[in-house]
């Protein structure tokens, strides 16, 4: 089927005309803020007041590389922790959490075992195959947030599903499988958990990721602090750690986010293509068994101020047909820690014209699809080294027409931004 994009309209001759969706101006958009890994807390972590007086439905945190080989490419921040810094292997990624008043972003910060963690880390070597190698402490980040009322009503919405990490006899505490009923792959999803603090009060949102970055065996000093999810044409699946020493989010080891939680309430939102159709769609395949593997894919259409997502689609195993979202975080371990998958996930970066990819190698049970046996009591755990890659991109109406913005740094380390006159 031949498709031609004209500005923001997709003409599909077999089905008529489908209007592509453009994200409205964010209800909150920060200026580009400097973030420095392995620096003092005021430089490694920023807490930004968004002023919305409600929890935004969608938060996008972009991490921009400031120099080559990935200069001006955007790496996606994650709503979890890829790993702590207790091991010697390098890793990278920016984390974020948010609530009804603020968004906190953090680059890795020294805690235990050296300065081996970065805001951006990419590898083309033993543990990952990709476009290039890069280690960078210094980056810029931009936060964009949309209220629920600013986006189209979700075609599927399910909230209030209690989950709690840790050993349990009830699989539903650590694994959720819900039918969304759209009968197609959602064009866009938000999967997150409203987490409780140590007093049991709902306080903080953590967005789900698409793979286990590094899998730790049960231990008091090393935990797997992220939520894994996958989406198919009719279902959404969510996994959290089911070991004894388990958290959903803990940002105090290897990062400087003073929040940790092992319990919360799951929220899921999904939009059909007719509701939020992308302006750019591409597919490719990655893996050691792919004869013509392409690690760099150009956009076919012009997308202004793009918001881009990439997923790895499993074609085999218990999660065949499920999409697992990629990210801008990379981590690995040198030893096999899980009988199914020890580390993994699709890593991607994008600019205005191009997308770049990195994928795990076969080393130490790495996989593009990586759902640990330690998550969800082993339900539908899987490792796949080959996968189809789905790319979608939407334009965003920018709140910032110029870059003349000032940043005030009050004593409470919150950032309040305002335009210059």
Protein backbone atom coordinates (compact mmCIF):
# COMPACT_ATOMS: atom_id res chain seq x y z
CA UNK A 1 0.00 0.00 0.00
CA UNK A 2 1.49 3.32 -1.13
CA UNK A 3 1.29 6.21 1.31
CA UNK A 4 2.19 9.84 0.73
CA UNK A 5 2.34 12.44 3.49
CA UNK A 6 1.18 15.98 2.67
CA UNK A 7 1.97 18.40 5.51
CA UNK A 8 -0.08 16.83 8.35
CA UNK A 9 -2.41 14.67 6.26
CA UNK A 10 -1.94 11.05 5.30
CA UNK A 11 -3.56 10.00 2.05
CA UNK A 12 -4.16 6.27 2.09
CA UNK A 13 -5.78 5.45 -1.20
CA UNK A 14 -7.34 2.22 -0.03
CA UNK A 15 -9.16 3.81 2.90
CA UNK A 16 -9.55 7.50 2.13
CA UNK A 17 -8.02 10.31 4.14
CA UNK A 18 -6.76 10.09 7.74
CA UNK A 19 -5.71 13.26 9.47
CA UNK A 20 -2.41 13.06 11.30
CA UNK A 21 -2.31 14.31 14.87
CA UNK A 22 -0.11 17.15 16.03
CA UNK A 23 0.48 17.58 19.74
CA UNK A 24 -0.78 20.96 20.99
CA UNK A 25 1.46 23.39 22.79
CA UNK A 26 2.49 21.80 26.07
CA UNK A 27 0.71 23.11 29.14
CA UNK A 28 4.21 23.34 30.56
CA UNK A 29 7.49 23.52 28.65
CA UNK A 30 10.82 24.21 30.32
CA UNK A 31 13.79 25.81 28.63
CA UNK A 32 16.74 23.54 27.90
CA UNK A 33 18.40 22.98 31.27
CA UNK A 34 21.98 21.88 31.85
CA UNK A 35 22.38 18.58 33.68
CA UNK A 36 25.70 17.06 34.72
CA UNK A 37 26.23 13.49 35.83
CA UNK A 38 28.72 12.80 38.63
CA UNK A 39 28.46 16.39 39.87
CA UNK A 40 27.07 17.85 43.07
CA UNK A 41 23.34 17.34 43.53
CA UNK A 42 22.41 20.84 42.36
CA UNK A 43 23.95 20.06 38.96
CA UNK A 44 23.00 16.38 38.66
CA UNK A 45 19.35 16.76 39.71
CA UNK A 46 16.75 19.42 38.94
CA UNK A 47 13.28 19.81 40.41
CA UNK A 48 11.12 21.92 38.12
CA UNK A 49 7.77 23.42 39.15
CA UNK A 50 5.26 22.96 36.33
CA UNK A 51 2.48 25.10 37.81
CA UNK A 52 -0.40 22.97 36.48
CA UNK A 53 -1.99 22.32 39.88
CA UNK A 54 -2.73 18.76 38.77
CA UNK A 55 -0.84 15.66 37.73
CA UNK A 56 -0.14 15.95 33.99
CA UNK A 57 -1.36 13.03 31.91
CA UNK A 58 1.73 12.94 29.74
CA UNK A 59 5.28 14.06 30.55
CA UNK A 60 8.05 14.03 27.94
CA UNK A 61 11.66 14.49 29.13
CA UNK A 62 14.16 14.92 26.31
CA UNK A 63 17.90 14.52 26.83
CA UNK A 64 20.03 16.30 24.22
CA UNK A 65 23.60 15.35 23.38
CA UNK A 66 25.80 18.45 23.25
CA UNK A 67 28.64 17.04 21.19
CA UNK A 68 29.62 14.43 18.63
CA UNK A 69 29.14 11.69 17.60
CA UNK A 70 25.47 12.25 18.56
CA UNK A 71 25.42 16.04 18.67
CA UNK A 72 21.86 17.42 18.95
CA UNK A 73 20.32 13.94 19.03
CA UNK A 74 17.55 13.39 21.57
CA UNK A 75 17.71 10.46 23.99
CA UNK A 76 14.53 9.63 25.88
CA UNK A 77 14.65 9.88 29.67
CA UNK A 78 12.99 7.06 31.62
CA UNK A 79 10.52 6.82 34.49
CA UNK A 80 12.62 4.19 36.26
CA UNK A 81 16.21 3.47 37.29
CA UNK A 82 18.30 1.39 34.82
CA UNK A 83 20.58 0.14 37.64
CA UNK A 84 22.59 1.37 40.60
CA UNK A 85 26.33 2.06 40.57
CA UNK A 86 27.38 -0.88 42.73
CA UNK A 87 28.95 -2.75 39.80
CA UNK A 88 31.95 -1.77 37.66
CA UNK A 89 30.22 -1.82 34.27
CA UNK A 90 29.39 1.58 32.74
CA UNK A 91 25.79 2.65 32.16
CA UNK A 92 23.83 5.74 31.23
CA UNK A 93 20.42 7.36 31.32
CA UNK A 94 18.42 10.21 32.85
CA UNK A 95 15.50 9.36 35.14
CA UNK A 96 12.41 11.41 36.04
CA UNK A 97 9.35 11.29 38.30
CA UNK A 98 6.52 13.80 38.67
CA UNK A 99 3.46 14.81 40.65
CA UNK A 100 0.84 17.55 40.77
CA UNK A 101 3.38 20.33 41.33
CA UNK A 102 6.76 19.37 39.90
CA UNK A 103 8.96 17.16 37.73
CA UNK A 104 12.27 15.86 39.06
CA UNK A 105 14.99 14.83 36.61
CA UNK A 106 18.32 13.29 37.55
CA UNK A 107 21.52 12.17 35.87
CA UNK A 108 23.62 9.46 37.54
CA UNK A 109 25.56 10.55 40.60
CA UNK A 110 28.36 8.78 42.43
CA UNK A 111 27.17 6.62 45.30
CA UNK A 112 29.32 3.51 45.66
CA UNK A 113 31.72 2.27 43.02
CA UNK A 114 33.22 4.99 40.90
CA UNK A 115 32.32 7.45 38.18
CA UNK A 116 31.26 4.87 35.60
CA UNK A 117 27.77 6.21 34.93
CA UNK A 118 26.81 8.91 32.46
CA UNK A 119 23.87 11.01 31.34
CA UNK A 120 24.37 9.49 27.87
CA UNK A 121 26.16 6.21 27.32
CA UNK A 122 26.20 4.28 24.04
CA UNK A 123 28.27 1.28 23.02
CA UNK A 124 29.12 -0.49 19.80
CA UNK A 125 31.09 -3.38 21.22
CA UNK A 126 30.77 -6.55 23.26
CA UNK A 127 27.42 -5.92 24.93
CA UNK A 128 25.62 -3.64 22.47
CA UNK A 129 25.69 -3.23 18.71
CA UNK A 130 24.92 0.26 17.51
CA UNK A 131 25.80 3.33 15.52
CA UNK A 132 28.63 4.57 17.74
CA UNK A 133 30.23 4.86 21.17
CA UNK A 134 29.64 7.84 23.43
CA UNK A 135 30.18 8.68 27.12
CA UNK A 136 28.94 12.07 28.26
CA UNK A 137 28.39 13.59 31.69
CA UNK A 138 27.01 16.91 30.41
CA UNK A 139 23.68 17.16 28.58
CA UNK A 140 20.70 19.45 28.27
CA UNK A 141 17.20 18.36 29.22
CA UNK A 142 13.79 19.75 28.33
CA UNK A 143 10.55 18.91 30.12
CA UNK A 144 7.18 19.08 28.39
CA UNK A 145 3.89 18.24 30.10
CA UNK A 146 0.26 18.04 28.97
CA UNK A 147 -2.86 18.04 31.10
CA UNK A 148 -5.54 15.44 30.49
CA UNK A 149 -7.92 18.08 29.16
CA UNK A 150 -5.38 19.19 26.53
CA UNK A 151 -5.16 15.80 24.83
CA UNK A 152 -7.89 13.87 22.99
CA UNK A 153 -9.94 11.59 25.27
CA UNK A 154 -8.21 8.22 25.51
CA UNK A 155 -9.91 5.40 23.60
CA UNK A 156 -8.99 3.12 26.49
CA UNK A 157 -8.52 4.11 30.12
CA UNK A 158 -8.02 1.93 33.15
CA UNK A 159 -6.78 3.17 36.52
CA UNK A 160 -6.70 2.16 40.17
CA UNK A 161 -5.11 -1.32 39.80
CA UNK A 162 -3.11 -1.95 42.95
CA UNK A 163 0.33 -3.53 42.53
CA UNK A 164 3.01 -4.25 45.11
CA UNK A 165 6.56 -5.41 44.43
CA UNK A 166 7.99 -8.28 46.44
CA UNK A 167 7.43 -11.95 47.11
CA UNK A 168 3.77 -12.85 46.93
CA UNK A 169 1.45 -15.80 46.44
CA UNK A 170 -0.84 -13.60 44.32
CA UNK A 171 0.47 -13.14 40.77
CA UNK A 172 -1.81 -10.13 40.25
CA UNK A 173 0.28 -8.19 42.80
CA UNK A 174 3.21 -8.19 40.36
CA UNK A 175 1.69 -8.92 36.94
CA UNK A 176 -1.27 -7.38 35.11
CA UNK A 177 -2.75 -8.48 31.78
CA UNK A 178 -5.64 -6.27 30.62
CA UNK A 179 -7.61 -6.26 27.38
CA UNK A 180 -7.80 -2.76 25.90
CA UNK A 181 -10.35 -3.69 23.22
CA UNK A 182 -9.06 -1.40 20.43
CA UNK A 183 -8.48 -4.32 18.02
CA UNK A 184 -5.37 -2.55 16.71
CA UNK A 185 -2.02 -1.40 17.96
CA UNK A 186 -2.54 1.84 19.86
CA UNK A 187 -0.84 4.77 18.19
CA UNK A 188 0.08 6.16 21.60
CA UNK A 189 0.00 4.90 25.18
CA UNK A 190 0.71 6.11 28.69
CA UNK A 191 1.39 3.39 31.26
CA UNK A 192 2.44 4.52 34.72
CA UNK A 193 2.06 3.95 38.45
CA UNK A 194 0.88 6.35 41.11
CA UNK A 195 3.28 5.37 43.88
CA UNK A 196 2.87 5.59 47.62
CA UNK A 197 5.45 7.07 49.96
CA UNK A 198 6.69 5.42 53.13
CA UNK A 199 3.56 6.56 54.98
CA UNK A 200 1.26 4.95 52.40
CA UNK A 201 0.21 8.23 50.78
CA UNK A 202 -0.13 8.42 46.98
CA UNK A 203 2.45 10.97 45.94
CA UNK A 204 4.50 10.34 42.79
CA UNK A 205 4.12 9.09 39.20
CA UNK A 206 6.61 6.70 37.63
CA UNK A 207 6.24 5.94 33.90
CA UNK A 208 6.73 2.37 32.71
CA UNK A 209 9.62 1.29 30.49
CA UNK A 210 9.81 -1.42 27.84
CA UNK A 211 12.48 -3.82 29.14
CA UNK A 212 14.56 -4.91 32.09
CA UNK A 213 17.76 -2.87 31.79
CA UNK A 214 19.89 -4.93 34.18
CA UNK A 215 18.44 -7.76 36.23
CA UNK A 216 19.61 -8.14 39.81
CA UNK A 217 19.11 -11.26 41.86
CA UNK A 218 17.34 -10.78 45.15
CA UNK A 219 19.56 -8.73 47.43
CA UNK A 220 19.34 -6.04 50.07
CA UNK A 221 21.72 -3.65 48.29
CA UNK A 222 20.69 -4.11 44.64
CA UNK A 223 17.13 -3.85 43.35
CA UNK A 224 15.35 -3.62 39.99
CA UNK A 225 13.63 -0.24 40.17
CA UNK A 226 11.42 0.05 37.11
CA UNK A 227 8.07 -1.05 35.65
CA UNK A 228 8.07 -3.13 32.44
CA UNK A 229 5.15 -3.07 30.03
CA UNK A 230 4.20 -4.34 26.58
CA UNK A 231 1.28 -3.57 24.27
CA UNK A 232 -0.38 -5.73 21.60
CA UNK A 233 -3.38 -5.26 19.30
CA UNK A 234 -5.73 -6.19 22.12
CA UNK A 235 -3.82 -6.27 25.43
CA UNK A 236 -1.50 -4.41 27.80
CA UNK A 237 0.82 -6.37 30.08
CA UNK A 238 2.72 -4.97 33.07
CA UNK A 239 5.43 -6.61 35.18
CA UNK A 240 7.16 -5.53 38.42
CA UNK A 241 9.81 -7.25 40.56
CA UNK A 242 8.54 -10.23 42.53
CA UNK A 243 11.66 -10.90 44.60
CA UNK A 244 11.88 -10.29 48.34
CA UNK A 245 13.99 -7.10 48.28
CA UNK A 246 11.96 -5.34 45.61
CA UNK A 247 11.06 -1.76 44.71
CA UNK A 248 9.11 -0.15 41.92
CA UNK A 249 11.19 3.03 42.11
CA UNK A 250 14.21 3.88 44.26
CA UNK A 251 16.42 6.78 43.21
CA UNK A 252 18.90 6.98 46.07
CA UNK A 253 21.65 4.62 44.82
CA UNK A 254 23.49 5.81 41.73
CA UNK A 255 21.11 8.78 41.39
CA UNK A 256 20.10 11.58 43.75
CA UNK A 257 16.29 11.27 43.79
CA UNK A 258 15.20 10.94 47.39
CA UNK A 259 12.17 8.78 46.77
CA UNK A 260 11.51 5.05 46.99
CA UNK A 261 8.37 2.96 46.83
CA UNK A 262 7.33 -0.65 46.39
CA UNK A 263 3.57 -0.10 46.04
CA UNK A 264 1.15 1.91 43.95
CA UNK A 265 -1.79 2.00 41.59
CA UNK A 266 -1.43 1.28 37.90
CA UNK A 267 -2.84 3.64 35.25
CA UNK A 268 -3.14 2.81 31.54
CA UNK A 269 -4.27 5.04 28.66
CA UNK A 270 -4.32 4.19 24.95
CA UNK A 271 -5.28 6.10 21.80
CA UNK A 272 -6.21 4.62 18.42
CA UNK A 273 -4.67 5.74 15.14
CA UNK A 274 -7.81 7.65 14.22
CA UNK A 275 -7.39 9.66 17.41
CA UNK A 276 -3.62 10.27 17.51
CA UNK A 277 -2.29 9.19 14.13
CA UNK A 278 1.44 9.77 13.75
CA UNK A 279 3.00 12.08 11.18
CA UNK A 280 5.87 9.67 10.50
CA UNK A 281 5.79 5.87 10.55
CA UNK A 282 8.64 3.52 9.68
CA UNK A 283 9.65 -0.08 10.28
CA UNK A 284 12.92 -1.95 10.23
CA UNK A 285 14.37 -5.09 11.84
CA UNK A 286 17.28 -5.48 14.25
CA UNK A 287 19.15 -8.51 15.53
CA UNK A 288 22.19 -10.71 14.91
CA UNK A 289 20.16 -12.85 12.51
CA UNK A 290 18.99 -9.92 10.37
CA UNK A 291 21.04 -10.00 7.12
CA UNK A 292 20.62 -6.34 6.22
CA UNK A 293 20.44 -4.75 9.65
CA UNK A 294 20.04 -0.97 9.51
CA UNK A 295 21.07 0.96 12.62
CA UNK A 296 20.26 4.41 11.23
CA UNK A 297 16.93 5.25 9.58
CA UNK A 298 16.08 8.62 8.00
CA UNK A 299 12.66 10.19 8.31
CA UNK A 300 10.65 10.02 5.10
CA UNK A 301 8.65 13.13 5.94
CA UNK A 302 9.27 16.51 7.51
CA UNK A 303 8.11 16.57 11.14
CA UNK A 304 8.43 19.89 12.90
CA UNK A 305 9.68 19.73 16.50
CA UNK A 306 9.29 15.94 16.60
CA UNK A 307 8.20 13.79 19.52
CA UNK A 308 9.42 10.33 18.52
CA UNK A 309 8.92 6.88 19.97
CA UNK A 310 10.33 3.49 18.97
CA UNK A 311 9.24 -0.01 19.96
CA UNK A 312 10.65 -3.50 19.55
CA UNK A 313 7.97 -5.98 18.44
CA UNK A 314 8.34 -9.61 19.40
CA UNK A 315 7.37 -12.14 16.74
CA UNK A 316 7.96 -15.25 18.84
CA UNK A 317 7.56 -16.51 22.38
CA UNK A 318 4.87 -15.85 25.00
CA UNK A 319 4.75 -12.16 24.05
CA UNK A 320 4.51 -12.62 20.30
CA UNK A 321 2.90 -9.56 18.74
CA UNK A 322 3.66 -7.29 21.73
CA UNK A 323 5.44 -3.95 21.39
CA UNK A 324 8.07 -3.01 23.98
CA UNK A 325 9.03 0.67 24.08
CA UNK A 326 12.64 1.73 23.63
CA UNK A 327 14.44 4.42 25.61
CA UNK A 328 17.59 6.50 25.85
CA UNK A 329 19.10 4.49 28.72
CA UNK A 330 21.70 1.74 28.32
CA UNK A 331 23.00 -0.73 30.90
CA UNK A 332 24.39 -4.25 31.02
CA UNK A 333 26.09 -6.79 33.27
CA UNK A 334 29.06 -9.03 32.57
CA UNK A 335 27.55 -12.07 34.28
CA UNK A 336 24.36 -14.04 33.71
CA UNK A 337 21.99 -13.16 36.52
CA UNK A 338 18.71 -14.48 35.15
CA UNK A 339 17.99 -17.76 33.38
CA UNK A 340 15.78 -15.93 30.86
CA UNK A 341 17.21 -12.42 30.34
CA UNK A 342 19.94 -10.58 32.24
CA UNK A 343 19.86 -7.20 30.48
CA UNK A 344 18.30 -5.59 27.47
CA UNK A 345 16.00 -3.19 25.71
CA UNK A 346 16.04 -1.10 22.55
CA UNK A 347 18.05 2.13 22.78
CA UNK A 348 17.30 4.91 20.32
CA UNK A 349 18.00 8.57 19.64
CA UNK A 350 16.52 10.98 17.12
CA UNK A 351 16.84 14.44 15.63
CA UNK A 352 14.80 16.28 12.99
CA UNK A 353 15.77 13.99 10.13
CA UNK A 354 17.09 10.70 11.48
CA UNK A 355 16.81 7.90 14.04
CA UNK A 356 19.68 5.86 15.48
CA UNK A 357 19.55 2.48 17.23
CA UNK A 358 21.56 0.31 19.59
CA UNK A 359 20.61 -3.26 20.48
CA UNK A 360 21.94 -5.80 22.99
CA UNK A 361 24.27 -8.52 21.73
CA UNK A 362 24.05 -12.19 22.71
CA UNK A 363 26.46 -11.61 25.59
CA UNK A 364 25.28 -12.68 29.05
CA UNK A 365 21.64 -13.24 28.06
CA UNK A 366 21.03 -9.83 26.50
CA UNK A 367 17.90 -9.25 24.45
CA UNK A 368 15.95 -6.62 22.55
CA UNK A 369 12.93 -8.17 24.23
CA UNK A 370 13.88 -8.63 27.88
CA UNK A 371 11.28 -9.60 30.48
CA UNK A 372 13.02 -11.10 33.49
CA UNK A 373 12.03 -14.33 35.16
CA UNK A 374 12.23 -12.34 38.42
CA UNK A 375 9.38 -10.06 37.34
CA UNK A 376 5.72 -11.03 37.54
CA UNK A 377 6.63 -14.35 39.19
CA UNK A 378 8.04 -15.45 35.84
CA UNK A 379 4.75 -15.02 33.96
CA UNK A 380 5.41 -14.67 30.23
CA UNK A 381 9.11 -13.97 30.80
CA UNK A 382 11.06 -13.78 27.56
CA UNK A 383 14.32 -12.95 25.81
CA UNK A 384 14.49 -12.31 22.06
CA UNK A 385 17.58 -11.06 20.24
CA UNK A 386 15.74 -10.27 17.00
CA UNK A 387 12.76 -7.96 16.68
CA UNK A 388 10.89 -5.69 14.34
CA UNK A 389 11.34 -2.00 15.15
CA UNK A 390 8.35 0.34 14.91
CA UNK A 391 8.92 4.11 14.77
CA UNK A 392 6.27 6.78 15.18
CA UNK A 393 6.75 10.55 15.28
CA UNK A 394 4.41 13.47 15.94
CA UNK A 395 5.00 17.18 15.60
CA UNK A 396 4.61 19.41 18.65
CA UNK A 397 3.53 23.03 18.62
CA UNK A 398 6.28 24.68 20.60
CA UNK A 399 5.68 26.98 23.55
CA UNK A 400 9.12 28.49 23.00
CA UNK A 401 9.45 30.75 19.94
CA UNK A 402 12.85 32.08 21.02
CA UNK A 403 15.57 30.89 23.38
CA UNK A 404 15.75 34.03 25.54
CA UNK A 405 14.75 32.46 28.82
CA UNK A 406 16.07 33.02 32.30
CA UNK A 407 16.35 30.40 35.00
CA UNK A 408 16.08 31.30 38.66
CA UNK A 409 17.81 28.98 41.15
CA UNK A 410 16.11 29.42 44.55
CA UNK A 411 17.47 27.82 47.68
CA UNK A 412 15.00 24.93 47.51
CA UNK A 413 16.68 23.82 44.21
CA UNK A 414 13.43 24.19 42.29
CA UNK A 415 13.53 25.91 38.91
CA UNK A 416 11.10 28.60 37.91
CA UNK A 417 11.40 29.84 34.35
CA UNK A 418 10.04 33.00 32.77
CA UNK A 419 10.56 34.79 29.44
CA UNK A 420 12.64 37.91 29.26
CA UNK A 421 10.85 41.07 28.21
